[in-house]
Protein backbone atom coordinates (compact mmCIF):
# COMPACT_ATOMS: atom_id res chain seq x y z
CA UNK A 1 -45.02 27.96 56.24
CA UNK A 2 -43.01 29.51 59.09
CA UNK A 3 -40.16 27.09 58.46
CA UNK A 4 -39.92 28.14 54.82
CA UNK A 5 -39.88 31.81 55.85
CA UNK A 6 -37.01 31.24 58.30
CA UNK A 7 -35.15 29.11 55.79
CA UNK A 8 -35.44 31.86 53.17
CA UNK A 9 -34.20 34.50 55.61
CA UNK A 10 -31.25 32.29 56.60
CA UNK A 11 -30.39 31.67 52.95
CA UNK A 12 -30.41 35.39 52.18
CA UNK A 13 -28.17 36.09 55.18
CA UNK A 14 -25.70 33.44 54.02
CA UNK A 15 -25.51 35.01 50.55
CA UNK A 16 -24.99 38.47 52.01
CA UNK A 17 -22.29 37.17 54.36
CA UNK A 18 -20.36 35.43 51.59
CA UNK A 19 -20.71 38.46 49.32
CA UNK A 20 -19.21 40.76 51.95
CA UNK A 21 -16.46 38.32 52.86
CA UNK A 22 -15.54 37.92 49.18
CA UNK A 23 -15.07 41.69 48.86
CA UNK A 24 -12.89 41.71 51.98
CA UNK A 25 -10.79 38.81 50.69
CA UNK A 26 -10.22 40.60 47.40
CA UNK A 27 -9.05 43.70 49.26
CA UNK A 28 -6.75 41.70 51.56
CA UNK A 29 -5.22 39.86 48.62
CA UNK A 30 -4.68 43.11 46.77
CA UNK A 31 -3.09 44.79 49.78
CA UNK A 32 -0.57 41.95 50.27
CA UNK A 33 1.53 43.55 47.54
CA UNK A 34 2.13 46.61 49.74
CA UNK A 35 3.89 44.46 52.37
CA UNK A 36 6.87 43.47 50.22
CA UNK A 37 10.24 44.54 51.62
CA UNK A 38 11.53 45.76 48.26
CA UNK A 39 8.68 48.19 47.50
CA UNK A 40 9.10 51.90 48.11
CA UNK A 41 6.68 54.05 50.13
CA UNK A 42 5.43 55.72 46.95
CA UNK A 43 4.90 52.32 45.32
CA UNK A 44 3.00 51.03 48.35
CA UNK A 45 0.79 54.14 48.34
CA UNK A 46 0.13 53.67 44.62
CA UNK A 47 -0.83 50.01 45.03
CA UNK A 48 -3.03 50.89 48.00
CA UNK A 49 -4.88 53.49 45.94
CA UNK A 50 -5.37 51.00 43.11
CA UNK A 51 -6.74 48.40 45.54
CA UNK A 52 -9.20 50.87 47.03
CA UNK A 53 -10.37 51.99 43.58
CA UNK A 54 -10.74 48.38 42.46
CA UNK A 55 -12.83 47.46 45.50
CA UNK A 56 -15.01 50.56 45.23
CA UNK A 57 -15.62 49.87 41.54
CA UNK A 58 -16.44 46.22 42.27
CA UNK A 59 -18.93 47.20 44.99
CA UNK A 60 -20.56 49.86 42.80
CA UNK A 61 -20.93 47.49 39.84
CA UNK A 62 -22.54 44.77 41.96
C-alpha cells in the first residue's frame, strides 16, 4: 500500500512538472520573436505584451 501511495505522489509531481515546463516553453517560443534584428523597440514591446497576455490567459483557463 505504501508503494502505491509513493507511486501516486511521484506521478502527480511528474504531471505538475511537465505542465509548468510546457507553459515556460510556450512563453520562450513566443518571446523568440522579440529577438529579431529587424524589429523595432515598439514592436518588441508589443509582442512581449501579447506573449504575457497569452500565457496569463492560458494559465487562468487551465
